[in-house]
Amino acid sequence: MGLQTVFRAVIMGAPGSGKGTVSSRIAQSFGLKHLSSGDLLRANIEAKTDLGLLMKSCIDQGQLVPDDVISRLILSSLRGIEQTSWLLDGFPRTVAQAEALDSVYDVDSVINLDVPFQTIRERLTSRWVHLPSGRVYNIDFNPPKKPGLDDVTGEPLVQRDDDSPETVSRRLKDYERQTQPVLEYYRSKGVLETFSGTETNKIWPHVHAFLTRKIPGNQQAIGKA
């Protein structure tokens, strides 16, 4: 069930916007290969590639990985799937990265998930984790049977540092500051499509309908809205 022509897309959205869920649904419904920059970065660090060692050095020193290093990592990964339709997640994060991508590939669509920051704050700060298993609970819509305890083992749940209210607010501000210029860049190129809402399950049908119209050979798309 492949696509008739190659379709290249980028998905953007703040931490907690439902980007991971929407990305997996796009990959499943339309056959796009989902490429996460975070996964690629971790894989290269674990494999101790030249780029991986370079990135680990930056991270260990508390520095941001330079745009050109991240761009080299992503572009080298894309070269291996030239004839495959893909969805990039987590890249580009800066205009320089977007320009590097544009210098090699034409991006057909940039899907921007616009979820109110207040909704994201409530979503993330309600999240609790059973660390040994990775089971995730949300006190609003997926609470544990006993407050503060894992359903399976009865062990205590913890809140990740990343999910504390202060950290969430800082991450959202950082995302907005960093990403706004990238959104403007793609808006000026006429490829930005923004989907607004507070619930992933309500945003998804609109994303699905858009891609069904947008992707050549969409009659071959599988899955349902």
N, C-alpha and C. Protein backbone atom coordinates (compact mmCIF):
# COMPACT_ATOMS: atom_id res chain seq x y z
N MET A 1 0.84 -1.19 0.00
CA MET A 1 0.00 0.00 0.00
C MET A 1 0.88 1.25 0.00
N GLY A 2 1.72 1.42 -0.98
CA GLY A 2 2.60 2.58 -1.01
C GLY A 2 1.92 3.75 -1.68
N LEU A 3 2.55 4.90 -1.57
CA LEU A 3 2.04 6.09 -2.22
C LEU A 3 2.54 6.13 -3.65
N GLN A 4 1.78 6.77 -4.52
CA GLN A 4 2.18 6.81 -5.92
C GLN A 4 3.37 7.72 -6.13
N THR A 5 3.46 8.79 -5.36
CA THR A 5 4.62 9.67 -5.44
C THR A 5 5.10 9.96 -4.03
N VAL A 6 6.34 10.44 -3.95
CA VAL A 6 6.93 10.71 -2.64
C VAL A 6 6.31 11.99 -2.06
N PHE A 7 5.91 11.91 -0.79
CA PHE A 7 5.33 13.05 -0.08
C PHE A 7 6.16 13.30 1.17
N ARG A 8 6.56 14.56 1.34
CA ARG A 8 7.45 14.88 2.46
C ARG A 8 6.78 15.92 3.36
N ALA A 9 6.72 15.61 4.65
CA ALA A 9 6.02 16.49 5.58
C ALA A 9 6.83 16.65 6.87
N VAL A 10 6.52 17.75 7.56
CA VAL A 10 7.09 18.04 8.88
C VAL A 10 5.92 18.23 9.83
N ILE A 11 6.05 17.73 11.06
CA ILE A 11 5.01 17.99 12.06
C ILE A 11 5.63 18.79 13.19
N MET A 12 4.89 19.81 13.64
CA MET A 12 5.37 20.67 14.71
C MET A 12 4.29 20.78 15.78
N GLY A 13 4.73 20.96 17.00
CA GLY A 13 3.81 21.09 18.12
C GLY A 13 4.59 21.11 19.41
N ALA A 14 4.08 21.83 20.38
CA ALA A 14 4.77 21.95 21.66
C ALA A 14 4.79 20.61 22.40
N PRO A 15 5.71 20.45 23.37
CA PRO A 15 5.68 19.24 24.20
C PRO A 15 4.31 19.09 24.84
N GLY A 16 3.71 17.90 24.70
CA GLY A 16 2.40 17.68 25.27
C GLY A 16 1.25 18.04 24.37
N SER A 17 1.55 18.38 23.11
CA SER A 17 0.50 18.79 22.17
C SER A 17 -0.19 17.60 21.51
N GLY A 18 0.32 16.40 21.75
CA GLY A 18 -0.24 15.21 21.10
C GLY A 18 0.48 14.86 19.82
N LYS A 19 1.66 15.45 19.63
CA LYS A 19 2.41 15.26 18.38
C LYS A 19 2.78 13.80 18.14
N GLY A 20 3.17 13.11 19.21
CA GLY A 20 3.54 11.71 19.06
C GLY A 20 2.37 10.85 18.61
N THR A 21 1.21 11.10 19.19
CA THR A 21 0.00 10.34 18.83
C THR A 21 -0.39 10.61 17.38
N VAL A 22 -0.43 11.89 17.01
CA VAL A 22 -0.81 12.25 15.64
C VAL A 22 0.21 11.69 14.63
N SER A 23 1.48 11.77 14.97
CA SER A 23 2.53 11.25 14.07
C SER A 23 2.35 9.76 13.81
N SER A 24 2.07 9.00 14.87
CA SER A 24 1.91 7.55 14.69
C SER A 24 0.66 7.25 13.87
N ARG A 25 -0.39 8.05 14.02
CA ARG A 25 -1.60 7.83 13.23
C ARG A 25 -1.37 8.18 11.76
N ILE A 26 -0.60 9.24 11.52
CA ILE A 26 -0.27 9.59 10.13
C ILE A 26 0.53 8.47 9.48
N ALA A 27 1.54 7.97 10.21
CA ALA A 27 2.38 6.90 9.68
C ALA A 27 1.54 5.67 9.36
N GLN A 28 0.62 5.34 10.25
CA GLN A 28 -0.20 4.14 10.07
C GLN A 28 -1.23 4.33 8.96
N SER A 29 -1.84 5.51 8.88
CA SER A 29 -2.93 5.73 7.93
C SER A 29 -2.44 5.98 6.51
N PHE A 30 -1.29 6.62 6.37
CA PHE A 30 -0.84 7.04 5.04
C PHE A 30 0.48 6.42 4.60
N GLY A 31 1.07 5.59 5.44
CA GLY A 31 2.29 4.90 5.04
C GLY A 31 3.53 5.77 5.03
N LEU A 32 3.48 6.95 5.67
CA LEU A 32 4.69 7.77 5.76
C LEU A 32 5.62 7.20 6.81
N LYS A 33 6.92 7.29 6.55
CA LYS A 33 7.89 6.85 7.55
C LYS A 33 8.09 7.98 8.56
N HIS A 34 7.87 7.67 9.82
CA HIS A 34 7.98 8.67 10.89
C HIS A 34 9.43 8.73 11.36
N LEU A 35 10.05 9.88 11.21
CA LEU A 35 11.44 10.07 11.63
C LEU A 35 11.48 11.07 12.78
N SER A 36 11.85 10.61 13.97
CA SER A 36 11.96 11.48 15.13
C SER A 36 13.42 11.88 15.32
N SER A 37 13.68 13.19 15.37
CA SER A 37 15.06 13.65 15.53
C SER A 37 15.63 13.16 16.86
N GLY A 38 14.78 13.12 17.90
CA GLY A 38 15.24 12.64 19.20
C GLY A 38 15.67 11.18 19.15
N ASP A 39 14.88 10.35 18.46
CA ASP A 39 15.24 8.93 18.31
C ASP A 39 16.54 8.77 17.54
N LEU A 40 16.68 9.54 16.45
CA LEU A 40 17.90 9.46 15.65
C LEU A 40 19.13 9.90 16.45
N LEU A 41 18.94 10.95 17.23
CA LEU A 41 20.04 11.46 18.06
C LEU A 41 20.48 10.39 19.07
N ARG A 42 19.49 9.81 19.77
CA ARG A 42 19.82 8.79 20.76
C ARG A 42 20.47 7.57 20.12
N ALA A 43 19.96 7.15 18.96
CA ALA A 43 20.52 5.97 18.27
C ALA A 43 21.98 6.20 17.88
N ASN A 44 22.28 7.41 17.40
CA ASN A 44 23.66 7.72 17.01
C ASN A 44 24.59 7.81 18.21
N ILE A 45 24.07 8.33 19.33
CA ILE A 45 24.89 8.38 20.54
C ILE A 45 25.17 6.97 21.04
N GLU A 46 24.14 6.11 21.04
CA GLU A 46 24.32 4.73 21.51
C GLU A 46 25.27 3.96 20.59
N ALA A 47 25.18 4.23 19.27
CA ALA A 47 26.04 3.52 18.31
C ALA A 47 27.44 4.12 18.25
N LYS A 48 27.63 5.25 18.94
CA LYS A 48 28.93 5.94 18.98
C LYS A 48 29.44 6.28 17.58
N THR A 49 28.54 6.74 16.72
CA THR A 49 28.97 7.23 15.41
C THR A 49 29.72 8.54 15.61
N ASP A 50 30.39 9.01 14.56
CA ASP A 50 31.14 10.28 14.67
C ASP A 50 30.21 11.41 15.10
N LEU A 51 29.03 11.48 14.44
CA LEU A 51 28.08 12.52 14.80
C LEU A 51 27.54 12.31 16.21
N GLY A 52 27.32 11.04 16.56
CA GLY A 52 26.82 10.73 17.90
C GLY A 52 27.78 11.17 18.99
N LEU A 53 29.08 10.92 18.78
CA LEU A 53 30.08 11.33 19.77
C LEU A 53 30.16 12.85 19.87
N LEU A 54 30.04 13.50 18.72
CA LEU A 54 30.06 14.96 18.69
C LEU A 54 28.87 15.54 19.47
N MET A 55 27.69 14.95 19.23
CA MET A 55 26.49 15.43 19.92
C MET A 55 26.55 15.14 21.42
N LYS A 56 27.07 13.97 21.79
CA LYS A 56 27.18 13.61 23.21
C LYS A 56 28.11 14.58 23.93
N SER A 57 29.17 14.97 23.25
CA SER A 57 30.11 15.93 23.83
C SER A 57 29.42 17.26 24.13
N CYS A 58 28.59 17.71 23.18
CA CYS A 58 27.84 18.97 23.39
C CYS A 58 26.88 18.83 24.57
N ILE A 59 26.15 17.72 24.59
CA ILE A 59 25.14 17.52 25.63
C ILE A 59 25.80 17.41 27.00
N ASP A 60 26.91 16.66 27.07
CA ASP A 60 27.61 16.48 28.35
C ASP A 60 28.12 17.80 28.91
N GLN A 61 28.43 18.73 28.00
CA GLN A 61 28.92 20.04 28.43
C GLN A 61 27.79 21.05 28.66
N GLY A 62 26.56 20.54 28.53
CA GLY A 62 25.41 21.41 28.74
C GLY A 62 25.18 22.39 27.62
N GLN A 63 25.71 22.08 26.43
CA GLN A 63 25.56 22.97 25.29
C GLN A 63 24.49 22.45 24.34
N LEU A 64 23.90 23.38 23.58
CA LEU A 64 22.99 22.97 22.52
C LEU A 64 23.79 22.37 21.38
N VAL A 65 23.25 21.32 20.77
CA VAL A 65 23.91 20.74 19.60
C VAL A 65 23.79 21.74 18.45
N PRO A 66 24.90 22.12 17.81
CA PRO A 66 24.84 23.14 16.75
C PRO A 66 23.91 22.75 15.60
N ASP A 67 23.31 23.77 14.97
CA ASP A 67 22.39 23.55 13.86
C ASP A 67 22.99 22.67 12.78
N ASP A 68 24.25 22.94 12.43
CA ASP A 68 24.84 22.20 11.30
C ASP A 68 25.04 20.73 11.63
N VAL A 69 25.29 20.42 12.91
CA VAL A 69 25.48 19.02 13.31
C VAL A 69 24.15 18.27 13.25
N ILE A 70 23.10 18.88 13.82
CA ILE A 70 21.77 18.26 13.77
C ILE A 70 21.32 18.10 12.31
N SER A 71 21.56 19.12 11.50
CA SER A 71 21.15 19.07 10.09
C SER A 71 21.87 17.94 9.37
N ARG A 72 23.16 17.77 9.63
CA ARG A 72 23.92 16.68 9.00
C ARG A 72 23.35 15.32 9.41
N LEU A 73 22.99 15.19 10.68
CA LEU A 73 22.42 13.94 11.17
C LEU A 73 21.12 13.60 10.44
N ILE A 74 20.21 14.58 10.37
CA ILE A 74 18.91 14.32 9.76
C ILE A 74 19.05 14.08 8.26
N LEU A 75 19.82 14.92 7.59
CA LEU A 75 19.96 14.79 6.13
C LEU A 75 20.63 13.48 5.74
N SER A 76 21.58 13.03 6.55
CA SER A 76 22.23 11.74 6.24
C SER A 76 21.23 10.60 6.40
N SER A 77 20.31 10.72 7.37
CA SER A 77 19.28 9.69 7.56
C SER A 77 18.29 9.70 6.40
N LEU A 78 17.94 10.90 5.93
CA LEU A 78 16.98 11.01 4.83
C LEU A 78 17.55 10.48 3.52
N ARG A 79 18.86 10.58 3.37
CA ARG A 79 19.47 10.09 2.12
C ARG A 79 19.26 8.60 1.93
N GLY A 80 19.07 7.90 3.04
CA GLY A 80 18.87 6.46 2.94
C GLY A 80 17.45 6.06 2.55
N ILE A 81 16.55 7.05 2.50
CA ILE A 81 15.15 6.74 2.16
C ILE A 81 14.63 7.71 1.10
N GLU A 82 15.45 7.93 0.08
CA GLU A 82 15.14 8.93 -0.96
C GLU A 82 13.77 8.72 -1.60
N GLN A 83 13.37 7.48 -1.81
CA GLN A 83 12.13 7.20 -2.53
C GLN A 83 10.96 6.89 -1.59
N THR A 84 11.11 7.25 -0.32
CA THR A 84 10.09 6.97 0.68
C THR A 84 9.41 8.27 1.12
N SER A 85 8.11 8.23 1.29
CA SER A 85 7.41 9.38 1.86
C SER A 85 7.67 9.41 3.37
N TRP A 86 7.97 10.61 3.88
CA TRP A 86 8.33 10.67 5.30
C TRP A 86 7.66 11.83 6.03
N LEU A 87 7.66 11.69 7.37
CA LEU A 87 7.16 12.71 8.27
C LEU A 87 8.26 12.99 9.29
N LEU A 88 8.77 14.22 9.27
CA LEU A 88 9.85 14.62 10.19
C LEU A 88 9.25 15.19 11.46
N ASP A 89 9.75 14.72 12.60
CA ASP A 89 9.24 15.12 13.90
C ASP A 89 10.42 15.59 14.76
N GLY A 90 10.38 16.85 15.21
CA GLY A 90 11.47 17.37 16.04
C GLY A 90 12.54 18.10 15.25
N PHE A 91 12.38 18.18 13.97
CA PHE A 91 13.31 18.87 13.08
C PHE A 91 12.51 19.38 11.89
N PRO A 92 12.73 20.64 11.46
CA PRO A 92 13.70 21.61 11.98
C PRO A 92 13.15 22.37 13.19
N ARG A 93 14.07 22.78 14.07
CA ARG A 93 13.71 23.57 15.24
C ARG A 93 14.10 25.03 15.09
N THR A 94 14.96 25.32 14.11
CA THR A 94 15.38 26.70 13.87
C THR A 94 15.27 27.00 12.38
N VAL A 95 15.31 28.28 12.04
CA VAL A 95 15.24 28.67 10.63
C VAL A 95 16.46 28.14 9.88
N ALA A 96 17.62 28.15 10.53
CA ALA A 96 18.83 27.63 9.88
C ALA A 96 18.66 26.15 9.52
N GLN A 97 18.04 25.39 10.41
CA GLN A 97 17.78 23.98 10.12
C GLN A 97 16.77 23.83 8.99
N ALA A 98 15.74 24.68 8.99
CA ALA A 98 14.74 24.64 7.92
C ALA A 98 15.37 24.94 6.57
N GLU A 99 16.28 25.89 6.54
CA GLU A 99 16.97 26.24 5.29
C GLU A 99 17.86 25.10 4.83
N ALA A 100 18.51 24.42 5.79
CA ALA A 100 19.35 23.28 5.42
C ALA A 100 18.51 22.17 4.80
N LEU A 101 17.33 21.92 5.39
CA LEU A 101 16.43 20.90 4.84
C LEU A 101 15.96 21.30 3.45
N ASP A 102 15.58 22.57 3.29
CA ASP A 102 15.08 23.07 2.01
C ASP A 102 16.13 23.01 0.90
N SER A 103 17.39 23.08 1.30
CA SER A 103 18.45 23.07 0.29
C SER A 103 18.57 21.71 -0.39
N VAL A 104 17.98 20.68 0.23
CA VAL A 104 18.09 19.32 -0.31
C VAL A 104 16.72 18.76 -0.73
N TYR A 105 15.68 19.05 0.06
CA TYR A 105 14.36 18.48 -0.20
C TYR A 105 13.28 19.56 -0.21
N ASP A 106 12.28 19.36 -1.05
CA ASP A 106 11.09 20.21 -1.02
C ASP A 106 10.11 19.63 -0.02
N VAL A 107 9.76 20.41 0.99
CA VAL A 107 8.76 19.98 1.97
C VAL A 107 7.37 20.31 1.44
N ASP A 108 6.52 19.30 1.36
CA ASP A 108 5.18 19.48 0.79
C ASP A 108 4.20 20.11 1.77
N SER A 109 4.30 19.72 3.04
CA SER A 109 3.37 20.25 4.05
C SER A 109 4.05 20.30 5.41
N VAL A 110 3.72 21.34 6.17
CA VAL A 110 4.14 21.44 7.56
C VAL A 110 2.87 21.46 8.41
N ILE A 111 2.67 20.43 9.21
CA ILE A 111 1.48 20.28 10.04
C ILE A 111 1.80 20.83 11.42
N ASN A 112 1.10 21.89 11.80
CA ASN A 112 1.35 22.53 13.08
C ASN A 112 0.17 22.28 14.01
N LEU A 113 0.45 21.62 15.15
CA LEU A 113 -0.60 21.35 16.14
C LEU A 113 -0.62 22.50 17.14
N ASP A 114 -1.67 23.27 17.10
CA ASP A 114 -1.80 24.46 17.93
C ASP A 114 -2.76 24.16 19.08
N VAL A 115 -2.17 23.76 20.20
CA VAL A 115 -2.95 23.42 21.39
C VAL A 115 -2.67 24.49 22.45
N PRO A 116 -3.70 25.07 23.07
CA PRO A 116 -3.47 26.12 24.07
C PRO A 116 -2.51 25.67 25.16
N PHE A 117 -1.60 26.57 25.52
CA PHE A 117 -0.61 26.21 26.54
C PHE A 117 -1.26 25.83 27.86
N GLN A 118 -2.39 26.45 28.19
CA GLN A 118 -3.08 26.10 29.43
C GLN A 118 -3.52 24.64 29.41
N THR A 119 -4.00 24.19 28.25
CA THR A 119 -4.41 22.78 28.10
C THR A 119 -3.20 21.86 28.29
N ILE A 120 -2.08 22.24 27.68
CA ILE A 120 -0.86 21.42 27.79
C ILE A 120 -0.37 21.37 29.23
N ARG A 121 -0.40 22.52 29.91
CA ARG A 121 0.03 22.55 31.31
C ARG A 121 -0.80 21.58 32.15
N GLU A 122 -2.11 21.64 31.94
CA GLU A 122 -3.00 20.76 32.71
C GLU A 122 -2.73 19.29 32.36
N ARG A 123 -2.47 19.05 31.07
CA ARG A 123 -2.24 17.68 30.60
C ARG A 123 -0.96 17.11 31.19
N LEU A 124 0.12 17.89 31.14
CA LEU A 124 1.42 17.37 31.57
C LEU A 124 1.56 17.32 33.08
N THR A 125 1.04 18.33 33.77
CA THR A 125 1.20 18.34 35.22
C THR A 125 0.27 17.34 35.89
N SER A 126 -0.64 16.74 35.12
CA SER A 126 -1.52 15.68 35.66
C SER A 126 -0.95 14.29 35.41
N ARG A 127 0.27 14.25 34.85
CA ARG A 127 0.84 12.97 34.42
C ARG A 127 1.75 12.39 35.51
N TRP A 128 1.51 11.14 35.82
CA TRP A 128 2.31 10.41 36.81
C TRP A 128 2.78 9.09 36.21
N VAL A 129 3.96 8.65 36.63
CA VAL A 129 4.62 7.51 35.96
C VAL A 129 5.04 6.46 36.98
N HIS A 130 4.89 5.18 36.57
CA HIS A 130 5.52 4.08 37.30
C HIS A 130 6.86 3.82 36.60
N LEU A 131 7.92 4.29 37.23
CA LEU A 131 9.22 4.30 36.54
C LEU A 131 9.73 2.92 36.11
N PRO A 132 9.62 1.87 36.96
CA PRO A 132 10.17 0.57 36.52
C PRO A 132 9.55 0.04 35.23
N SER A 133 8.24 0.27 35.04
CA SER A 133 7.57 -0.28 33.85
C SER A 133 7.36 0.75 32.75
N GLY A 134 7.39 2.04 33.13
CA GLY A 134 7.09 3.08 32.15
C GLY A 134 5.60 3.35 31.98
N ARG A 135 4.76 2.69 32.80
CA ARG A 135 3.32 2.93 32.70
C ARG A 135 3.00 4.37 33.09
N VAL A 136 2.18 5.01 32.26
CA VAL A 136 1.85 6.42 32.47
C VAL A 136 0.37 6.56 32.83
N TYR A 137 0.10 7.37 33.83
CA TYR A 137 -1.27 7.66 34.25
C TYR A 137 -1.52 9.16 34.14
N ASN A 138 -2.77 9.52 33.96
CA ASN A 138 -3.15 10.92 33.99
C ASN A 138 -4.34 11.04 34.93
N ILE A 139 -4.22 11.88 35.95
CA ILE A 139 -5.25 11.92 36.98
C ILE A 139 -6.58 12.46 36.45
N ASP A 140 -6.55 13.07 35.24
CA ASP A 140 -7.79 13.59 34.66
C ASP A 140 -8.56 12.55 33.86
N PHE A 141 -7.83 11.79 33.00
CA PHE A 141 -8.57 10.88 32.13
C PHE A 141 -8.07 9.43 32.14
N ASN A 142 -6.99 9.15 32.86
CA ASN A 142 -6.52 7.76 32.96
C ASN A 142 -5.92 7.56 34.36
N PRO A 143 -6.73 7.78 35.41
CA PRO A 143 -6.17 7.75 36.76
C PRO A 143 -5.88 6.32 37.23
N PRO A 144 -4.93 6.17 38.15
CA PRO A 144 -4.70 4.84 38.75
C PRO A 144 -5.90 4.46 39.63
N LYS A 145 -6.07 3.16 39.83
CA LYS A 145 -7.21 2.70 40.63
C LYS A 145 -7.11 3.20 42.07
N LYS A 146 -5.87 3.23 42.58
CA LYS A 146 -5.63 3.80 43.91
C LYS A 146 -4.71 5.01 43.73
N PRO A 147 -5.11 6.17 44.22
CA PRO A 147 -4.31 7.39 44.02
C PRO A 147 -2.85 7.20 44.42
N GLY A 148 -1.96 7.56 43.48
CA GLY A 148 -0.52 7.53 43.77
C GLY A 148 0.14 6.18 43.65
N LEU A 149 -0.64 5.13 43.26
CA LEU A 149 -0.06 3.78 43.21
C LEU A 149 -0.30 3.14 41.84
N ASP A 150 0.70 2.35 41.40
CA ASP A 150 0.60 1.64 40.13
C ASP A 150 -0.47 0.54 40.22
N ASP A 151 -1.28 0.42 39.16
CA ASP A 151 -2.37 -0.58 39.15
C ASP A 151 -1.84 -2.01 39.26
N VAL A 152 -0.71 -2.30 38.64
CA VAL A 152 -0.22 -3.68 38.55
C VAL A 152 0.58 -4.08 39.78
N THR A 153 1.51 -3.22 40.20
CA THR A 153 2.43 -3.61 41.28
C THR A 153 2.07 -2.99 42.62
N GLY A 154 1.26 -1.92 42.61
CA GLY A 154 0.96 -1.22 43.86
C GLY A 154 2.09 -0.32 44.33
N GLU A 155 3.14 -0.20 43.49
CA GLU A 155 4.28 0.64 43.86
C GLU A 155 3.95 2.12 43.63
N PRO A 156 4.67 3.01 44.32
CA PRO A 156 4.37 4.44 44.21
C PRO A 156 4.63 4.98 42.80
N LEU A 157 3.80 5.94 42.40
CA LEU A 157 4.00 6.67 41.15
C LEU A 157 4.78 7.94 41.44
N VAL A 158 5.49 8.42 40.44
CA VAL A 158 6.25 9.66 40.60
C VAL A 158 5.92 10.60 39.45
N GLN A 159 6.16 11.88 39.69
CA GLN A 159 6.01 12.87 38.63
C GLN A 159 7.41 13.22 38.14
N ARG A 160 7.62 13.08 36.83
CA ARG A 160 8.92 13.42 36.26
C ARG A 160 9.20 14.90 36.46
N ASP A 161 10.49 15.21 36.62
CA ASP A 161 10.87 16.63 36.77
C ASP A 161 10.35 17.45 35.60
N ASP A 162 10.37 16.83 34.40
CA ASP A 162 9.91 17.52 33.19
C ASP A 162 8.44 17.91 33.27
N ASP A 163 7.68 17.22 34.13
CA ASP A 163 6.24 17.44 34.19
C ASP A 163 5.82 18.34 35.36
N SER A 164 6.79 18.87 36.11
CA SER A 164 6.44 19.79 37.18
C SER A 164 5.93 21.09 36.57
N PRO A 165 5.01 21.79 37.25
CA PRO A 165 4.43 23.01 36.67
C PRO A 165 5.48 24.04 36.22
N GLU A 166 6.53 24.21 37.03
CA GLU A 166 7.55 25.21 36.70
C GLU A 166 8.30 24.81 35.43
N THR A 167 8.66 23.53 35.36
CA THR A 167 9.43 23.06 34.20
C THR A 167 8.58 23.10 32.94
N VAL A 168 7.32 22.72 33.07
CA VAL A 168 6.42 22.75 31.91
C VAL A 168 6.28 24.16 31.37
N SER A 169 6.09 25.12 32.25
CA SER A 169 5.95 26.52 31.81
C SER A 169 7.21 26.99 31.09
N ARG A 170 8.36 26.63 31.62
CA ARG A 170 9.62 27.05 30.99
C ARG A 170 9.80 26.39 29.63
N ARG A 171 9.47 25.10 29.55
CA ARG A 171 9.62 24.40 28.27
C ARG A 171 8.70 24.99 27.20
N LEU A 172 7.49 25.36 27.61
CA LEU A 172 6.55 25.93 26.64
C LEU A 172 7.02 27.30 26.15
N LYS A 173 7.56 28.10 27.07
CA LYS A 173 8.08 29.41 26.66
C LYS A 173 9.27 29.25 25.72
N ASP A 174 10.15 28.31 26.05
CA ASP A 174 11.31 28.04 25.18
C ASP A 174 10.85 27.60 23.80
N TYR A 175 9.86 26.71 23.76
CA TYR A 175 9.36 26.22 22.49
C TYR A 175 8.81 27.36 21.65
N GLU A 176 8.00 28.21 22.28
CA GLU A 176 7.37 29.31 21.55
C GLU A 176 8.43 30.25 20.97
N ARG A 177 9.41 30.60 21.79
CA ARG A 177 10.45 31.53 21.34
C ARG A 177 11.25 30.94 20.17
N GLN A 178 11.57 29.66 20.29
CA GLN A 178 12.41 29.01 19.28
C GLN A 178 11.64 28.71 18.00
N THR A 179 10.37 28.36 18.14
CA THR A 179 9.63 27.82 17.01
C THR A 179 8.89 28.87 16.18
N GLN A 180 8.51 29.96 16.79
CA GLN A 180 7.74 30.97 16.07
C GLN A 180 8.39 31.39 14.75
N PRO A 181 9.71 31.66 14.74
CA PRO A 181 10.35 32.03 13.46
C PRO A 181 10.27 30.92 12.41
N VAL A 182 10.30 29.64 12.86
CA VAL A 182 10.22 28.51 11.92
C VAL A 182 8.82 28.45 11.31
N LEU A 183 7.80 28.67 12.15
CA LEU A 183 6.42 28.68 11.63
C LEU A 183 6.24 29.82 10.62
N GLU A 184 6.81 30.98 10.93
CA GLU A 184 6.71 32.12 10.00
C GLU A 184 7.42 31.80 8.69
N TYR A 185 8.55 31.13 8.79
CA TYR A 185 9.32 30.75 7.61
C TYR A 185 8.47 29.88 6.68
N TYR A 186 7.83 28.86 7.26
CA TYR A 186 7.02 27.95 6.44
C TYR A 186 5.71 28.60 6.00
N ARG A 187 5.17 29.51 6.83
CA ARG A 187 3.97 30.24 6.41
C ARG A 187 4.27 31.07 5.16
N SER A 188 5.44 31.70 5.14
CA SER A 188 5.82 32.53 3.99
C SER A 188 6.01 31.70 2.73
N LYS A 189 6.31 30.42 2.91
CA LYS A 189 6.49 29.52 1.75
C LYS A 189 5.18 28.87 1.31
N GLY A 190 4.11 29.11 2.09
CA GLY A 190 2.79 28.61 1.71
C GLY A 190 2.56 27.13 1.98
N VAL A 191 3.36 26.53 2.88
CA VAL A 191 3.20 25.09 3.14
C VAL A 191 2.72 24.80 4.57
N LEU A 192 2.50 25.86 5.37
CA LEU A 192 2.10 25.65 6.76
C LEU A 192 0.59 25.44 6.86
N GLU A 193 0.20 24.40 7.58
CA GLU A 193 -1.21 24.12 7.84
C GLU A 193 -1.37 23.92 9.35
N THR A 194 -2.14 24.81 9.98
CA THR A 194 -2.28 24.77 11.43
C THR A 194 -3.61 24.15 11.83
N PHE A 195 -3.57 23.26 12.81
CA PHE A 195 -4.76 22.59 13.33
C PHE A 195 -4.87 22.94 14.82
N SER A 196 -5.94 23.62 15.18
CA SER A 196 -6.11 24.10 16.55
C SER A 196 -7.15 23.27 17.29
N GLY A 197 -6.94 23.11 18.59
CA GLY A 197 -7.91 22.38 19.39
C GLY A 197 -7.33 22.02 20.74
N THR A 198 -8.15 21.41 21.57
CA THR A 198 -7.70 21.02 22.91
C THR A 198 -7.65 19.50 23.09
N GLU A 199 -8.20 18.74 22.11
CA GLU A 199 -8.22 17.28 22.23
C GLU A 199 -7.67 16.64 20.97
N THR A 200 -6.72 15.74 21.14
CA THR A 200 -6.09 15.07 20.00
C THR A 200 -7.13 14.34 19.14
N ASN A 201 -8.08 13.69 19.79
CA ASN A 201 -9.07 12.91 19.03
C ASN A 201 -10.01 13.79 18.21
N LYS A 202 -10.09 15.07 18.56
CA LYS A 202 -10.90 15.99 17.77
C LYS A 202 -10.08 16.69 16.68
N ILE A 203 -8.78 16.85 16.94
CA ILE A 203 -7.89 17.44 15.94
C ILE A 203 -7.60 16.44 14.82
N TRP A 204 -7.45 15.17 15.19
CA TRP A 204 -7.01 14.16 14.23
C TRP A 204 -7.87 14.05 12.98
N PRO A 205 -9.21 14.02 13.07
CA PRO A 205 -9.99 13.90 11.83
C PRO A 205 -9.71 15.01 10.82
N HIS A 206 -9.40 16.21 11.32
CA HIS A 206 -9.09 17.33 10.42
C HIS A 206 -7.73 17.12 9.74
N VAL A 207 -6.77 16.60 10.51
CA VAL A 207 -5.46 16.29 9.93
C VAL A 207 -5.62 15.19 8.88
N HIS A 208 -6.40 14.17 9.21
CA HIS A 208 -6.61 13.05 8.29
C HIS A 208 -7.26 13.52 6.99
N ALA A 209 -8.30 14.37 7.12
CA ALA A 209 -9.00 14.87 5.93
C ALA A 209 -8.07 15.71 5.07
N PHE A 210 -7.24 16.54 5.71
CA PHE A 210 -6.30 17.39 4.98
C PHE A 210 -5.30 16.53 4.19
N LEU A 211 -4.72 15.53 4.85
CA LEU A 211 -3.73 14.69 4.16
C LEU A 211 -4.36 13.83 3.08
N THR A 212 -5.59 13.42 3.30
CA THR A 212 -6.30 12.64 2.27
C THR A 212 -6.42 13.46 0.98
N ARG A 213 -6.68 14.77 1.13
CA ARG A 213 -6.75 15.66 -0.04
C ARG A 213 -5.38 15.97 -0.60
N LYS A 214 -4.40 16.05 0.27
CA LYS A 214 -3.09 16.60 -0.10
C LYS A 214 -2.16 15.57 -0.74
N ILE A 215 -2.23 14.34 -0.25
CA ILE A 215 -1.25 13.34 -0.69
C ILE A 215 -1.66 12.74 -2.03
N PRO A 216 -0.78 12.80 -3.02
CA PRO A 216 -1.09 12.17 -4.31
C PRO A 216 -1.33 10.67 -4.11
N GLY A 217 -2.31 10.16 -4.83
CA GLY A 217 -2.61 8.73 -4.70
C GLY A 217 -3.27 8.41 -3.38
N ASN A 218 -4.02 9.41 -2.82
CA ASN A 218 -4.56 9.19 -1.49
C ASN A 218 -5.61 8.08 -1.44
N GLN A 219 -6.07 7.64 -2.61
CA GLN A 219 -7.01 6.53 -2.59
C GLN A 219 -6.34 5.28 -2.03
N GLN A 220 -5.02 5.31 -1.98
CA GLN A 220 -4.32 4.16 -1.43
C GLN A 220 -4.08 4.29 0.07
N ALA A 221 -4.48 5.45 0.62
CA ALA A 221 -4.30 5.64 2.05
C ALA A 221 -5.12 4.60 2.80
N ILE A 222 -4.55 4.11 3.89
CA ILE A 222 -5.26 3.13 4.67
C ILE A 222 -5.63 3.74 6.02
N GLY A 223 -6.53 3.09 6.73
CA GLY A 223 -6.94 3.59 8.02
C GLY A 223 -8.15 4.49 7.88
N LYS A 224 -8.71 4.82 9.01
CA LYS A 224 -9.93 5.63 9.03
C LYS A 224 -9.73 6.85 9.90
N ALA A 225 -10.51 7.90 9.55
CA ALA A 225 -10.48 9.09 10.37
C ALA A 225 -11.16 8.80 11.70
